């Protein structure tokens, strides 16, 4: 199946370590299961999920130190096509621990190395060189310390000359910095809590969310805006309308990577020429499929195929 080129960007990757213990309590040594180690970070997870369902992408990753070398080995083992930029310090680690007694998962995420202005400029230059005309660039995950909140806007301005669309999945101050309009991203994605923070009011109903997402499109923040409403599914607004994709009813094992899998599915759908509402359905299917797997395993292709075939997407 033909598709447009996809470049994923991970400025702050992590060596993801997941394990479990019978019970998580303070002040004692916890005897844990043998760890599972995966390459992590928003863009990396997007590329991993795209590959699982037969798509193609190139992962641009900033790596540094001994942890960075270990992560590079995992990228190779995963069969990803990837490009490296030297990070200014040691690549971070993250730890997920499942408390089996309480059926709760605890996640510990480190901040990553401090970037300087020269590192920021170098990364943008590398991305512009790697991006292909007519393709999509996915900027997903947290920014390392020192990277400005408006990094996505800076990158979008440079990508505009090369006719590549920018998909942005961010949060916090970085989201506020780019949601004020004028950037014309291909896609801006956020969750319900982030949307309510930007709106300055609750968005209890789907129609409320759709109107807010449409207002961001009208302001020129992006050509499409997606708001994830958790168990209530996902809503997209574009200049041509708004749609809602239901979240499939599945047994949830772990939500780790579900958001990244959603971005992977939606971006791959666009790259394959699907209309926005059907790309939304593919993203929802991949997110639900990822919730069915443990720790950082992401989705299984057969689950995605089944859930996408049963998708429920309605116009709002």
C-alpha atoms as a PDB file:
ATOM      1  CA  UNK A   1       0.000   0.000   0.000  1.00  0.00           C
ATOM      2  CA  UNK A   2       1.427   3.358  -1.018  1.00  0.00           C
ATOM      3  CA  UNK A   3       1.919   6.079   1.577  1.00  0.00           C
ATOM      4  CA  UNK A   4       3.522   9.492   1.920  1.00  0.00           C
ATOM      5  CA  UNK A   5       6.836   9.646   3.829  1.00  0.00           C
ATOM      6  CA  UNK A   6       6.643   9.937   7.632  1.00  0.00           C
ATOM      7  CA  UNK A   7       9.443  11.292   9.826  1.00  0.00           C
ATOM      8  CA  UNK A   8       8.987  11.003  13.596  1.00  0.00           C
ATOM      9  CA  UNK A   9      10.969  13.269  15.923  1.00  0.00           C
ATOM     10  CA  UNK A  10      12.017  12.319  19.460  1.00  0.00           C
ATOM     11  CA  UNK A  11      14.075  15.018  21.154  1.00  0.00           C
ATOM     12  CA  UNK A  12      13.824  13.438  24.611  1.00  0.00           C
ATOM     13  CA  UNK A  13      13.870   9.636  24.182  1.00  0.00           C
ATOM     14  CA  UNK A  14      13.963   7.264  27.122  1.00  0.00           C
ATOM     15  CA  UNK A  15      15.163   3.785  27.884  1.00  0.00           C
ATOM     16  CA  UNK A  16      11.851   2.365  29.111  1.00  0.00           C
ATOM     17  CA  UNK A  17      12.188  -0.213  31.875  1.00  0.00           C
ATOM     18  CA  UNK A  18       9.077  -2.040  33.057  1.00  0.00           C
ATOM     19  CA  UNK A  19       8.707  -4.549  35.852  1.00  0.00           C
ATOM     20  CA  UNK A  20       6.252  -5.707  38.516  1.00  0.00           C
ATOM     21  CA  UNK A  21       6.110  -6.475  42.216  1.00  0.00           C
ATOM     22  CA  UNK A  22       3.602  -8.288  44.401  1.00  0.00           C
ATOM     23  CA  UNK A  23       2.955  -5.071  46.323  1.00  0.00           C
ATOM     24  CA  UNK A  24       4.473  -1.564  46.166  1.00  0.00           C
ATOM     25  CA  UNK A  25       5.111  -0.222  49.676  1.00  0.00           C
ATOM     26  CA  UNK A  26       7.618   2.296  51.117  1.00  0.00           C
ATOM     27  CA  UNK A  27      10.828   1.721  53.103  1.00  0.00           C
ATOM     28  CA  UNK A  28      11.481  -1.899  52.151  1.00  0.00           C
ATOM     29  CA  UNK A  29      13.304  -3.662  49.349  1.00  0.00           C
ATOM     30  CA  UNK A  30      10.830  -4.683  46.670  1.00  0.00           C
ATOM     31  CA  UNK A  31      11.628  -7.934  44.895  1.00  0.00           C
ATOM     32  CA  UNK A  32      10.707  -7.230  41.276  1.00  0.00           C
ATOM     33  CA  UNK A  33      10.155  -9.293  38.148  1.00  0.00           C
ATOM     34  CA  UNK A  34      12.825  -9.525  35.470  1.00  0.00           C
ATOM     35  CA  UNK A  35      12.691  -6.160  33.654  1.00  0.00           C
ATOM     36  CA  UNK A  36      11.481  -5.612  30.113  1.00  0.00           C
ATOM     37  CA  UNK A  37      13.494  -2.931  28.291  1.00  0.00           C
ATOM     38  CA  UNK A  38      12.216  -1.004  25.264  1.00  0.00           C
ATOM     39  CA  UNK A  39      13.201   2.109  23.314  1.00  0.00           C
ATOM     40  CA  UNK A  40      10.782   4.828  24.381  1.00  0.00           C
ATOM     41  CA  UNK A  41       9.745   8.405  23.786  1.00  0.00           C
ATOM     42  CA  UNK A  42       6.804   9.769  21.810  1.00  0.00           C
ATOM     43  CA  UNK A  43       8.217   9.711  18.298  1.00  0.00           C
ATOM     44  CA  UNK A  44       9.947   6.346  18.758  1.00  0.00           C
ATOM     45  CA  UNK A  45       6.693   4.781  19.944  1.00  0.00           C
ATOM     46  CA  UNK A  46       4.891   6.272  16.939  1.00  0.00           C
ATOM     47  CA  UNK A  47       7.436   4.677  14.591  1.00  0.00           C
ATOM     48  CA  UNK A  48       7.231   1.354  16.437  1.00  0.00           C
ATOM     49  CA  UNK A  49       3.435   1.306  16.142  1.00  0.00           C
ATOM     50  CA  UNK A  50       3.519   2.277  12.461  1.00  0.00           C
ATOM     51  CA  UNK A  51       5.878  -0.615  11.737  1.00  0.00           C
ATOM     52  CA  UNK A  52       3.671  -3.106  13.603  1.00  0.00           C
ATOM     53  CA  UNK A  53       0.759  -2.462  11.218  1.00  0.00           C
ATOM     54  CA  UNK A  54       2.899  -2.566   8.080  1.00  0.00           C
ATOM     55  CA  UNK A  55       3.596   1.132   7.600  1.00  0.00           C
ATOM     56  CA  UNK A  56       6.914   2.848   7.033  1.00  0.00           C
ATOM     57  CA  UNK A  57       8.573   5.735   8.830  1.00  0.00           C
ATOM     58  CA  UNK A  58      11.962   7.142   9.712  1.00  0.00           C
ATOM     59  CA  UNK A  59      12.686   7.972  13.356  1.00  0.00           C
ATOM     60  CA  UNK A  60      14.878  11.008  14.113  1.00  0.00           C
ATOM     61  CA  UNK A  61      16.259  10.541  17.642  1.00  0.00           C
ATOM     62  CA  UNK A  62      18.595  12.574  19.871  1.00  0.00           C
ATOM     63  CA  UNK A  63      20.850  10.155  21.788  1.00  0.00           C
ATOM     64  CA  UNK A  64      23.684  10.572  24.267  1.00  0.00           C
ATOM     65  CA  UNK A  65      25.915   8.622  26.648  1.00  0.00           C
ATOM     66  CA  UNK A  66      25.861   4.967  27.638  1.00  0.00           C
ATOM     67  CA  UNK A  67      22.073   4.882  27.877  1.00  0.00           C
ATOM     68  CA  UNK A  68      21.873   6.361  24.383  1.00  0.00           C
ATOM     69  CA  UNK A  69      24.065   3.588  23.007  1.00  0.00           C
ATOM     70  CA  UNK A  70      21.870   0.970  24.647  1.00  0.00           C
ATOM     71  CA  UNK A  71      18.782   2.625  23.181  1.00  0.00           C
ATOM     72  CA  UNK A  72      20.412   2.663  19.730  1.00  0.00           C
ATOM     73  CA  UNK A  73      20.903  -1.113  19.986  1.00  0.00           C
ATOM     74  CA  UNK A  74      17.208  -1.505  20.762  1.00  0.00           C
ATOM     75  CA  UNK A  75      16.224   0.648  17.782  1.00  0.00           C
ATOM     76  CA  UNK A  76      18.281  -1.630  15.545  1.00  0.00           C
ATOM     77  CA  UNK A  77      16.779  -4.745  17.126  1.00  0.00           C
ATOM     78  CA  UNK A  78      13.284  -3.339  16.562  1.00  0.00           C
ATOM     79  CA  UNK A  79      14.017  -3.022  12.842  1.00  0.00           C
ATOM     80  CA  UNK A  80      13.351   0.712  12.718  1.00  0.00           C
ATOM     81  CA  UNK A  81      14.768   3.037  10.084  1.00  0.00           C
ATOM     82  CA  UNK A  82      16.304   5.776  12.228  1.00  0.00           C
ATOM     83  CA  UNK A  83      18.633   8.776  12.170  1.00  0.00           C
ATOM     84  CA  UNK A  84      20.685   9.988  15.138  1.00  0.00           C
ATOM     85  CA  UNK A  85      21.556  13.409  16.444  1.00  0.00           C
ATOM     86  CA  UNK A  86      24.093  13.627  19.255  1.00  0.00           C
ATOM     87  CA  UNK A  87      22.331  14.830  22.417  1.00  0.00           C
ATOM     88  CA  UNK A  88      24.171  17.148  24.830  1.00  0.00           C
ATOM     89  CA  UNK A  89      24.052  14.657  27.708  1.00  0.00           C
ATOM     90  CA  UNK A  90      23.004  11.237  28.926  1.00  0.00           C
ATOM     91  CA  UNK A  91      19.750   9.868  27.509  1.00  0.00           C
ATOM     92  CA  UNK A  92      17.130   9.540  30.252  1.00  0.00           C
ATOM     93  CA  UNK A  93      15.470   6.431  31.634  1.00  0.00           C
ATOM     94  CA  UNK A  94      11.900   5.774  32.712  1.00  0.00           C
ATOM     95  CA  UNK A  95      10.559   3.096  35.031  1.00  0.00           C
ATOM     96  CA  UNK A  96       7.096   1.521  35.147  1.00  0.00           C
ATOM     97  CA  UNK A  97       6.245  -0.786  38.072  1.00  0.00           C
ATOM     98  CA  UNK A  98       3.037  -2.794  38.270  1.00  0.00           C
ATOM     99  CA  UNK A  99       1.620  -3.390  41.752  1.00  0.00           C
ATOM    100  CA  UNK A 100      -0.097  -6.726  41.172  1.00  0.00           C
ATOM    101  CA  UNK A 101      -1.934  -6.715  44.507  1.00  0.00           C
ATOM    102  CA  UNK A 102      -3.649  -3.381  43.842  1.00  0.00           C
ATOM    103  CA  UNK A 103      -3.621  -3.683  40.033  1.00  0.00           C
ATOM    104  CA  UNK A 104      -2.003  -0.240  39.840  1.00  0.00           C
ATOM    105  CA  UNK A 105       0.914   0.893  37.711  1.00  0.00           C
ATOM    106  CA  UNK A 106       3.477   3.422  38.937  1.00  0.00           C
ATOM    107  CA  UNK A 107       5.487   5.381  36.350  1.00  0.00           C
ATOM    108  CA  UNK A 108       8.709   7.258  37.101  1.00  0.00           C
ATOM    109  CA  UNK A 109      10.028   9.520  34.301  1.00  0.00           C
ATOM    110  CA  UNK A 110      13.386  11.347  34.388  1.00  0.00           C
ATOM    111  CA  UNK A 111      13.853  14.830  32.825  1.00  0.00           C
ATOM    112  CA  UNK A 112      16.592  14.233  30.226  1.00  0.00           C
ATOM    113  CA  UNK A 113      19.744  16.277  29.474  1.00  0.00           C
ATOM    114  CA  UNK A 114      19.885  20.086  29.383  1.00  0.00           C
ATOM    115  CA  UNK A 115      19.884  21.579  25.867  1.00  0.00           C
ATOM    116  CA  UNK A 116      21.501  24.842  24.785  1.00  0.00           C
ATOM    117  CA  UNK A 117      20.379  27.165  21.972  1.00  0.00           C
ATOM    118  CA  UNK A 118      22.977  25.657  19.647  1.00  0.00           C
ATOM    119  CA  UNK A 119      21.494  22.193  20.181  1.00  0.00           C
ATOM    120  CA  UNK A 120      18.034  23.523  19.324  1.00  0.00           C
ATOM    121  CA  UNK A 121      19.220  25.075  16.072  1.00  0.00           C
ATOM    122  CA  UNK A 122      21.181  21.959  15.124  1.00  0.00           C
ATOM    123  CA  UNK A 123      18.157  19.714  15.672  1.00  0.00           C
ATOM    124  CA  UNK A 124      15.924  21.859  13.446  1.00  0.00           C
ATOM    125  CA  UNK A 125      18.554  21.845  10.696  1.00  0.00           C
ATOM    126  CA  UNK A 126      18.810  18.036  10.885  1.00  0.00           C
ATOM    127  CA  UNK A 127      15.033  17.604  10.770  1.00  0.00           C
ATOM    128  CA  UNK A 128      14.654  19.898   7.772  1.00  0.00           C
ATOM    129  CA  UNK A 129      17.308  17.881   5.958  1.00  0.00           C
ATOM    130  CA  UNK A 130      15.601  14.561   6.790  1.00  0.00           C
ATOM    131  CA  UNK A 131      12.016  15.638   6.005  1.00  0.00           C
ATOM    132  CA  UNK A 132      10.722  14.822   2.511  1.00  0.00           C
ATOM    133  CA  UNK A 133       8.510  17.076   0.366  1.00  0.00           C
ATOM    134  CA  UNK A 134       4.859  16.144   0.642  1.00  0.00           C
ATOM    135  CA  UNK A 135       5.525  14.052   3.739  1.00  0.00           C
ATOM    136  CA  UNK A 136       4.505  14.312   7.370  1.00  0.00           C
ATOM    137  CA  UNK A 137       6.739  15.131  10.340  1.00  0.00           C
ATOM    138  CA  UNK A 138       5.505  13.958  13.754  1.00  0.00           C
ATOM    139  CA  UNK A 139       6.750  15.900  16.787  1.00  0.00           C
ATOM    140  CA  UNK A 140       5.641  13.854  19.767  1.00  0.00           C
ATOM    141  CA  UNK A 141       6.656  13.664  23.407  1.00  0.00           C
ATOM    142  CA  UNK A 142       8.185  16.000  25.941  1.00  0.00           C
ATOM    143  CA  UNK A 143      10.857  18.593  25.261  1.00  0.00           C
ATOM    144  CA  UNK A 144      14.209  18.178  27.017  1.00  0.00           C
ATOM    145  CA  UNK A 145      15.139  20.881  29.539  1.00  0.00           C
ATOM    146  CA  UNK A 146      16.336  24.005  27.723  1.00  0.00           C
ATOM    147  CA  UNK A 147      14.234  23.505  24.575  1.00  0.00           C
ATOM    148  CA  UNK A 148      11.907  26.531  24.142  1.00  0.00           C
ATOM    149  CA  UNK A 149       8.154  26.077  24.510  1.00  0.00           C
ATOM    150  CA  UNK A 150       7.601  27.366  20.957  1.00  0.00           C
ATOM    151  CA  UNK A 151       9.910  24.753  19.390  1.00  0.00           C
ATOM    152  CA  UNK A 152       7.048  23.340  17.304  1.00  0.00           C
ATOM    153  CA  UNK A 153       6.295  26.790  15.864  1.00  0.00           C
ATOM    154  CA  UNK A 154       9.984  27.309  15.021  1.00  0.00           C
ATOM    155  CA  UNK A 155      10.089  23.936  13.280  1.00  0.00           C
ATOM    156  CA  UNK A 156       6.818  24.518  11.416  1.00  0.00           C
ATOM    157  CA  UNK A 157       8.120  27.794   9.997  1.00  0.00           C
ATOM    158  CA  UNK A 158      11.130  25.999   8.519  1.00  0.00           C
ATOM    159  CA  UNK A 159       9.147  23.010   7.249  1.00  0.00           C
ATOM    160  CA  UNK A 160       6.722  25.277   5.360  1.00  0.00           C
ATOM    161  CA  UNK A 161       9.386  25.931   2.732  1.00  0.00           C
ATOM    162  CA  UNK A 162       9.743  22.199   2.049  1.00  0.00           C
ATOM    163  CA  UNK A 163       6.009  21.410   1.778  1.00  0.00           C
ATOM    164  CA  UNK A 164       6.020  18.945   4.718  1.00  0.00           C
ATOM    165  CA  UNK A 165       3.144  18.918   7.204  1.00  0.00           C
ATOM    166  CA  UNK A 166       3.817  18.945  10.955  1.00  0.00           C
ATOM    167  CA  UNK A 167       1.830  16.749  13.355  1.00  0.00           C
ATOM    168  CA  UNK A 168       2.195  18.018  16.948  1.00  0.00           C
ATOM    169  CA  UNK A 169       1.335  16.008  20.064  1.00  0.00           C
ATOM    170  CA  UNK A 170       2.490  17.965  23.096  1.00  0.00           C
ATOM    171  CA  UNK A 171       1.288  19.269  26.450  1.00  0.00           C
ATOM    172  CA  UNK A 172       1.768  21.864  29.174  1.00  0.00           C
ATOM    173  CA  UNK A 173       3.557  25.100  28.372  1.00  0.00           C
ATOM    174  CA  UNK A 174       4.594  23.790  24.947  1.00  0.00           C
ATOM    175  CA  UNK A 175       0.920  23.256  24.031  1.00  0.00           C
ATOM    176  CA  UNK A 176      -0.072  26.723  25.210  1.00  0.00           C
ATOM    177  CA  UNK A 177       2.753  28.242  23.181  1.00  0.00           C
ATOM    178  CA  UNK A 178       1.456  26.792  19.899  1.00  0.00           C
ATOM    179  CA  UNK A 179      -2.327  26.770  20.410  1.00  0.00           C
ATOM    180  CA  UNK A 180      -2.757  30.526  19.925  1.00  0.00           C
ATOM    181  CA  UNK A 181      -2.960  30.180  16.138  1.00  0.00           C
ATOM    182  CA  UNK A 182      -0.996  31.241  13.108  1.00  0.00           C
ATOM    183  CA  UNK A 183       1.137  28.102  12.794  1.00  0.00           C
ATOM    184  CA  UNK A 184      -1.113  26.018  10.504  1.00  0.00           C
ATOM    185  CA  UNK A 185       0.165  22.622  11.667  1.00  0.00           C
ATOM    186  CA  UNK A 186      -1.202  19.629   9.795  1.00  0.00           C
ATOM    187  CA  UNK A 187      -2.521  18.366  13.145  1.00  0.00           C
ATOM    188  CA  UNK A 188      -2.560  19.475  16.777  1.00  0.00           C
ATOM    189  CA  UNK A 189      -3.539  16.810  19.335  1.00  0.00           C
ATOM    190  CA  UNK A 190      -4.306  17.148  23.044  1.00  0.00           C
ATOM    191  CA  UNK A 191      -6.320  15.388  25.734  1.00  0.00           C
ATOM    192  CA  UNK A 192      -9.552  16.566  27.319  1.00  0.00           C
ATOM    193  CA  UNK A 193      -7.902  18.063  30.425  1.00  0.00           C
ATOM    194  CA  UNK A 194      -5.467  20.037  28.274  1.00  0.00           C
ATOM    195  CA  UNK A 195      -8.297  21.275  26.054  1.00  0.00           C
ATOM    196  CA  UNK A 196     -10.287  22.413  29.090  1.00  0.00           C
ATOM    197  CA  UNK A 197      -7.207  24.216  30.400  1.00  0.00           C
ATOM    198  CA  UNK A 198      -6.843  26.087  27.116  1.00  0.00           C
ATOM    199  CA  UNK A 199     -10.565  26.809  26.914  1.00  0.00           C
ATOM    200  CA  UNK A 200     -10.673  28.039  30.506  1.00  0.00           C
ATOM    201  CA  UNK A 201     -13.841  26.044  31.174  1.00  0.00           C
ATOM    202  CA  UNK A 202     -15.146  22.467  31.334  1.00  0.00           C
ATOM    203  CA  UNK A 203     -16.021  20.719  28.079  1.00  0.00           C
ATOM    204  CA  UNK A 204     -18.459  18.110  29.401  1.00  0.00           C
ATOM    205  CA  UNK A 205     -20.210  17.173  26.160  1.00  0.00           C
ATOM    206  CA  UNK A 206     -18.817  16.010  22.842  1.00  0.00           C
ATOM    207  CA  UNK A 207     -20.391  19.034  21.158  1.00  0.00           C
ATOM    208  CA  UNK A 208     -18.503  21.329  23.562  1.00  0.00           C
ATOM    209  CA  UNK A 209     -15.218  19.658  22.666  1.00  0.00           C
ATOM    210  CA  UNK A 210     -16.001  19.800  18.954  1.00  0.00           C
ATOM    211  CA  UNK A 211     -16.763  23.527  19.106  1.00  0.00           C
ATOM    212  CA  UNK A 212     -13.535  24.249  20.968  1.00  0.00           C
ATOM    213  CA  UNK A 213     -11.465  22.176  18.527  1.00  0.00           C
ATOM    214  CA  UNK A 214     -13.148  23.973  15.620  1.00  0.00           C
ATOM    215  CA  UNK A 215     -12.271  27.339  17.168  1.00  0.00           C
ATOM    216  CA  UNK A 216      -8.588  26.381  17.144  1.00  0.00           C
ATOM    217  CA  UNK A 217      -8.851  25.391  13.479  1.00  0.00           C
ATOM    218  CA  UNK A 218     -10.526  28.716  12.678  1.00  0.00           C
ATOM    219  CA  UNK A 219      -7.745  30.558  14.544  1.00  0.00           C
ATOM    220  CA  UNK A 220      -5.155  28.894  12.300  1.00  0.00           C
ATOM    221  CA  UNK A 221      -3.546  26.730  14.977  1.00  0.00           C
ATOM    222  CA  UNK A 222      -3.802  23.654  12.742  1.00  0.00           C
ATOM    223  CA  UNK A 223      -5.585  22.231   9.728  1.00  0.00           C
ATOM    224  CA  UNK A 224      -7.069  19.629  12.088  1.00  0.00           C
ATOM    225  CA  UNK A 225      -7.378  19.483  15.873  1.00  0.00           C
ATOM    226  CA  UNK A 226      -7.939  16.256  17.803  1.00  0.00           C
ATOM    227  CA  UNK A 227      -9.047  16.078  21.421  1.00  0.00           C
ATOM    228  CA  UNK A 228      -8.788  12.713  23.186  1.00  0.00           C
ATOM    229  CA  UNK A 229     -11.659  12.247  25.652  1.00  0.00           C
ATOM    230  CA  UNK A 230     -10.327   9.072  27.258  1.00  0.00           C
ATOM    231  CA  UNK A 231     -12.969   6.382  27.507  1.00  0.00           C
ATOM    232  CA  UNK A 232     -15.373   8.621  25.593  1.00  0.00           C
ATOM    233  CA  UNK A 233     -13.285   8.354  22.435  1.00  0.00           C
ATOM    234  CA  UNK A 234     -11.688  10.994  20.232  1.00  0.00           C
ATOM    235  CA  UNK A 235     -12.995  14.071  18.431  1.00  0.00           C
ATOM    236  CA  UNK A 236     -11.503  15.751  15.370  1.00  0.00           C
ATOM    237  CA  UNK A 237     -12.387  19.128  13.868  1.00  0.00           C
ATOM    238  CA  UNK A 238     -11.343  20.225  10.382  1.00  0.00           C
ATOM    239  CA  UNK A 239     -12.543  22.985   8.040  1.00  0.00           C
ATOM    240  CA  UNK A 240     -14.903  20.392   6.519  1.00  0.00           C
ATOM    241  CA  UNK A 241     -16.553  19.268   9.749  1.00  0.00           C
ATOM    242  CA  UNK A 242     -16.153  17.392  13.028  1.00  0.00           C
ATOM    243  CA  UNK A 243     -16.323  13.667  13.853  1.00  0.00           C
ATOM    244  CA  UNK A 244     -16.256  11.411  16.899  1.00  0.00           C
ATOM    245  CA  UNK A 245     -14.600   7.982  17.038  1.00  0.00           C
ATOM    246  CA  UNK A 246     -15.734   5.658  19.810  1.00  0.00           C
ATOM    247  CA  UNK A 247     -13.176   3.959  22.033  1.00  0.00           C
ATOM    248  CA  UNK A 248     -13.503   0.206  21.621  1.00  0.00           C
ATOM    249  CA  UNK A 249     -14.635  -1.760  24.670  1.00  0.00           C
ATOM    250  CA  UNK A 250     -11.567  -3.854  25.464  1.00  0.00           C
ATOM    251  CA  UNK A 251      -9.984  -5.315  28.574  1.00  0.00           C
ATOM    252  CA  UNK A 252      -7.393  -2.726  29.608  1.00  0.00           C
ATOM    253  CA  UNK A 253      -4.053  -4.238  30.621  1.00  0.00           C
ATOM    254  CA  UNK A 254      -1.907  -1.095  30.331  1.00  0.00           C
ATOM    255  CA  UNK A 255      -2.473   2.365  28.862  1.00  0.00           C
ATOM    256  CA  UNK A 256       1.244   2.970  28.312  1.00  0.00           C
ATOM    257  CA  UNK A 257       1.819   4.004  24.685  1.00  0.00           C
ATOM    258  CA  UNK A 258      -1.877   4.314  23.817  1.00  0.00           C
ATOM    259  CA  UNK A 259      -1.618   8.010  22.951  1.00  0.00           C
ATOM    260  CA  UNK A 260       1.439   7.450  20.789  1.00  0.00           C
ATOM    261  CA  UNK A 261      -0.306   4.552  19.050  1.00  0.00           C
ATOM    262  CA  UNK A 262      -3.268   6.821  18.326  1.00  0.00           C
ATOM    263  CA  UNK A 263      -0.954   9.384  16.714  1.00  0.00           C
ATOM    264  CA  UNK A 264       0.687   6.586  14.734  1.00  0.00           C
ATOM    265  CA  UNK A 265      -2.634   5.350  13.386  1.00  0.00           C
ATOM    266  CA  UNK A 266      -3.978   8.765  12.484  1.00  0.00           C
ATOM    267  CA  UNK A 267      -0.736   9.852  10.805  1.00  0.00           C
ATOM    268  CA  UNK A 268      -0.457   6.598   8.868  1.00  0.00           C
ATOM    269  CA  UNK A 269      -4.079   6.960   7.779  1.00  0.00           C
ATOM    270  CA  UNK A 270      -3.390  10.445   6.413  1.00  0.00           C
ATOM    271  CA  UNK A 271      -0.193   9.237   4.733  1.00  0.00           C
ATOM    272  CA  UNK A 272      -2.204   6.474   3.023  1.00  0.00           C
ATOM    273  CA  UNK A 273      -4.792   8.953   1.770  1.00  0.00           C
ATOM    274  CA  UNK A 274      -7.639   8.178   4.163  1.00  0.00           C
ATOM    275  CA  UNK A 275     -10.085  11.036   4.852  1.00  0.00           C
ATOM    276  CA  UNK A 276      -9.732  12.554   8.347  1.00  0.00           C
ATOM    277  CA  UNK A 277     -12.711  10.710   9.838  1.00  0.00           C
ATOM    278  CA  UNK A 278     -11.377   7.308   8.771  1.00  0.00           C
ATOM    279  CA  UNK A 279      -7.847   8.182   9.852  1.00  0.00           C
ATOM    280  CA  UNK A 280      -9.421   9.039  13.209  1.00  0.00           C
ATOM    281  CA  UNK A 281     -10.933   5.548  13.294  1.00  0.00           C
ATOM    282  CA  UNK A 282      -7.544   3.946  12.592  1.00  0.00           C
ATOM    283  CA  UNK A 283      -5.955   5.974  15.371  1.00  0.00           C
ATOM    284  CA  UNK A 284      -8.689   4.930  17.805  1.00  0.00           C
ATOM    285  CA  UNK A 285      -8.275   1.268  16.828  1.00  0.00           C
ATOM    286  CA  UNK A 286      -4.521   1.370  17.421  1.00  0.00           C
ATOM    287  CA  UNK A 287      -4.922   3.118  20.786  1.00  0.00           C
ATOM    288  CA  UNK A 288      -7.479   0.548  21.978  1.00  0.00           C
ATOM    289  CA  UNK A 289      -5.317  -2.326  20.749  1.00  0.00           C
ATOM    290  CA  UNK A 290      -2.360  -0.966  22.711  1.00  0.00           C
ATOM    291  CA  UNK A 291      -4.433  -0.896  25.905  1.00  0.00           C
ATOM    292  CA  UNK A 292      -4.830  -4.669  25.513  1.00  0.00           C
ATOM    293  CA  UNK A 293      -1.096  -5.372  25.853  1.00  0.00           C
ATOM    294  CA  UNK A 294       1.181  -5.252  28.927  1.00  0.00           C
ATOM    295  CA  UNK A 295       3.738  -2.568  29.789  1.00  0.00           C
ATOM    296  CA  UNK A 296       5.366  -1.038  26.697  1.00  0.00           C
ATOM    297  CA  UNK A 297       4.433  -3.746  24.185  1.00  0.00           C
ATOM    298  CA  UNK A 298       2.179  -1.456  22.055  1.00  0.00           C
ATOM    299  CA  UNK A 299      -0.456  -2.915  19.726  1.00  0.00           C
ATOM    300  CA  UNK A 300      -0.810  -6.180  17.820  1.00  0.00           C
ATOM    301  CA  UNK A 301      -1.608  -6.005  14.104  1.00  0.00           C
ATOM    302  CA  UNK A 302      -4.447  -8.525  14.276  1.00  0.00           C
ATOM    303  CA  UNK A 303      -6.158  -6.574  17.056  1.00  0.00           C
ATOM    304  CA  UNK A 304      -5.854  -3.332  15.100  1.00  0.00           C
ATOM    305  CA  UNK A 305      -7.347  -4.941  11.990  1.00  0.00           C
ATOM    306  CA  UNK A 306     -10.315  -6.311  13.941  1.00  0.00           C
ATOM    307  CA  UNK A 307     -10.987  -3.076  15.849  1.00  0.00           C
ATOM    308  CA  UNK A 308     -10.655  -0.911  12.752  1.00  0.00           C
ATOM    309  CA  UNK A 309     -13.152  -3.095  10.889  1.00  0.00           C
ATOM    310  CA  UNK A 310     -15.612  -2.564  13.774  1.00  0.00           C
ATOM    311  CA  UNK A 311     -14.931   1.179  14.141  1.00  0.00           C
ATOM    312  CA  UNK A 312     -17.784   3.552  14.964  1.00  0.00           C
ATOM    313  CA  UNK A 313     -17.161   7.072  13.625  1.00  0.00           C
ATOM    314  CA  UNK A 314     -20.004   9.586  13.527  1.00  0.00           C
ATOM    315  CA  UNK A 315     -20.314  13.137  12.270  1.00  0.00           C
ATOM    316  CA  UNK A 316     -21.009  15.819  14.879  1.00  0.00           C
END
